[in-house]
Amino acid sequence: MAIIQWIIIIVGGAIGIISTIGITFGIFATIIYKIFRKITVGGSLYD
């Protein structure tokens, strides 16, 4: 029983870490894309 609980804890922790990294990467990618678009096309940073 304890082994199953440890597996669930490890899998849940891994999913949490992966999703946090994905969200963080997505935020930075969006900011970089908006700045790049502002420089190249002259679009708004707020669209």
N, C-alpha and C. Protein backbone atom coordinates (compact mmCIF):
# COMPACT_ATOMS: atom_id res chain seq x y z
N MET A 1 0.83 -1.20 0.00
CA MET A 1 0.00 0.00 0.00
C MET A 1 0.86 1.25 0.00
N ALA A 2 1.94 1.23 0.78
CA ALA A 2 2.80 2.41 0.86
C ALA A 2 3.49 2.67 -0.47
N ILE A 3 3.80 1.62 -1.23
CA ILE A 3 4.47 1.80 -2.51
C ILE A 3 3.54 2.51 -3.50
N ILE A 4 2.27 2.13 -3.50
CA ILE A 4 1.30 2.77 -4.40
C ILE A 4 1.14 4.24 -4.03
N GLN A 5 1.11 4.54 -2.76
CA GLN A 5 0.97 5.93 -2.34
C GLN A 5 2.19 6.75 -2.77
N TRP A 6 3.40 6.20 -2.66
CA TRP A 6 4.60 6.91 -3.09
C TRP A 6 4.60 7.13 -4.59
N ILE A 7 4.12 6.16 -5.35
CA ILE A 7 4.03 6.33 -6.80
C ILE A 7 3.07 7.45 -7.15
N ILE A 8 1.93 7.49 -6.48
CA ILE A 8 0.95 8.56 -6.73
C ILE A 8 1.53 9.91 -6.36
N ILE A 9 2.25 9.99 -5.25
CA ILE A 9 2.87 11.25 -4.83
C ILE A 9 3.90 11.71 -5.85
N ILE A 10 4.74 10.79 -6.32
CA ILE A 10 5.79 11.15 -7.28
C ILE A 10 5.18 11.59 -8.61
N VAL A 11 4.18 10.86 -9.09
CA VAL A 11 3.54 11.22 -10.36
C VAL A 11 2.83 12.57 -10.23
N GLY A 12 2.13 12.78 -9.15
CA GLY A 12 1.45 14.07 -8.95
C GLY A 12 2.42 15.22 -8.86
N GLY A 13 3.53 15.01 -8.17
CA GLY A 13 4.55 16.06 -8.08
C GLY A 13 5.16 16.36 -9.43
N ALA A 14 5.43 15.32 -10.21
CA ALA A 14 6.01 15.51 -11.54
C ALA A 14 5.05 16.28 -12.44
N ILE A 15 3.78 15.94 -12.38
CA ILE A 15 2.79 16.65 -13.20
C ILE A 15 2.72 18.12 -12.78
N GLY A 16 2.77 18.39 -11.49
CA GLY A 16 2.75 19.76 -11.01
C GLY A 16 3.97 20.55 -11.48
N ILE A 17 5.14 19.94 -11.41
CA ILE A 17 6.36 20.62 -11.85
C ILE A 17 6.33 20.88 -13.35
N ILE A 18 5.91 19.89 -14.12
CA ILE A 18 5.86 20.05 -15.57
C ILE A 18 4.87 21.13 -15.98
N SER A 19 3.71 21.16 -15.35
CA SER A 19 2.72 22.18 -15.70
C SER A 19 3.20 23.58 -15.31
N THR A 20 3.89 23.69 -14.17
CA THR A 20 4.43 24.98 -13.76
C THR A 20 5.48 25.48 -14.75
N ILE A 21 6.35 24.59 -15.19
CA ILE A 21 7.37 24.97 -16.18
C ILE A 21 6.70 25.37 -17.49
N GLY A 22 5.68 24.64 -17.90
CA GLY A 22 4.97 24.97 -19.14
C GLY A 22 4.29 26.32 -19.09
N ILE A 23 3.64 26.61 -17.98
CA ILE A 23 2.97 27.91 -17.84
C ILE A 23 3.98 29.04 -17.83
N THR A 24 5.10 28.86 -17.10
CA THR A 24 6.14 29.88 -17.04
C THR A 24 6.73 30.12 -18.42
N PHE A 25 7.04 29.04 -19.15
CA PHE A 25 7.58 29.17 -20.49
C PHE A 25 6.58 29.89 -21.41
N GLY A 26 5.31 29.56 -21.28
CA GLY A 26 4.29 30.18 -22.11
C GLY A 26 4.17 31.67 -21.87
N ILE A 27 4.27 32.09 -20.61
CA ILE A 27 4.19 33.52 -20.30
C ILE A 27 5.36 34.26 -20.93
N PHE A 28 6.59 33.72 -20.76
CA PHE A 28 7.76 34.38 -21.32
C PHE A 28 7.72 34.37 -22.85
N ALA A 29 7.26 33.29 -23.45
CA ALA A 29 7.16 33.22 -24.91
C ALA A 29 6.16 34.25 -25.43
N THR A 30 5.06 34.44 -24.74
CA THR A 30 4.08 35.44 -25.15
C THR A 30 4.65 36.84 -25.06
N ILE A 31 5.36 37.15 -23.98
CA ILE A 31 5.96 38.47 -23.83
C ILE A 31 7.00 38.73 -24.92
N ILE A 32 7.85 37.74 -25.19
CA ILE A 32 8.87 37.90 -26.23
C ILE A 32 8.22 38.06 -27.60
N TYR A 33 7.17 37.29 -27.88
CA TYR A 33 6.47 37.40 -29.16
C TYR A 33 5.85 38.79 -29.33
N LYS A 34 5.25 39.32 -28.27
CA LYS A 34 4.62 40.63 -28.37
C LYS A 34 5.66 41.73 -28.60
N ILE A 35 6.82 41.62 -27.93
CA ILE A 35 7.88 42.61 -28.15
C ILE A 35 8.42 42.50 -29.57
N PHE A 36 8.63 41.27 -30.05
CA PHE A 36 9.11 41.06 -31.41
C PHE A 36 8.12 41.64 -32.42
N ARG A 37 6.84 41.39 -32.22
CA ARG A 37 5.82 41.91 -33.13
C ARG A 37 5.74 43.43 -33.08
N LYS A 38 5.95 44.01 -31.89
CA LYS A 38 5.95 45.46 -31.75
C LYS A 38 7.09 46.07 -32.55
N ILE A 39 8.26 45.43 -32.51
CA ILE A 39 9.43 45.96 -33.23
C ILE A 39 9.27 45.78 -34.73
N THR A 40 8.81 44.61 -35.19
CA THR A 40 8.77 44.33 -36.61
C THR A 40 7.55 44.92 -37.32
N VAL A 41 6.38 44.78 -36.74
CA VAL A 41 5.15 45.20 -37.42
C VAL A 41 4.62 46.51 -36.85
N GLY A 42 4.96 46.81 -35.63
CA GLY A 42 4.45 48.03 -35.00
C GLY A 42 3.11 47.81 -34.33
N GLY A 43 2.77 46.56 -34.02
CA GLY A 43 1.50 46.26 -33.38
C GLY A 43 1.48 46.68 -31.91
N SER A 44 0.32 46.65 -31.35
CA SER A 44 0.16 47.03 -29.96
C SER A 44 0.61 45.89 -29.04
N LEU A 45 1.14 46.25 -27.88
CA LEU A 45 1.52 45.24 -26.89
C LEU A 45 0.30 44.70 -26.15
N TYR A 46 -0.84 45.35 -26.28
CA TYR A 46 -2.03 44.99 -25.50
C TYR A 46 -3.05 44.18 -26.27
N ASP A 47 -2.79 43.86 -27.53
CA ASP A 47 -3.73 43.06 -28.34
C ASP A 47 -3.49 41.60 -28.15
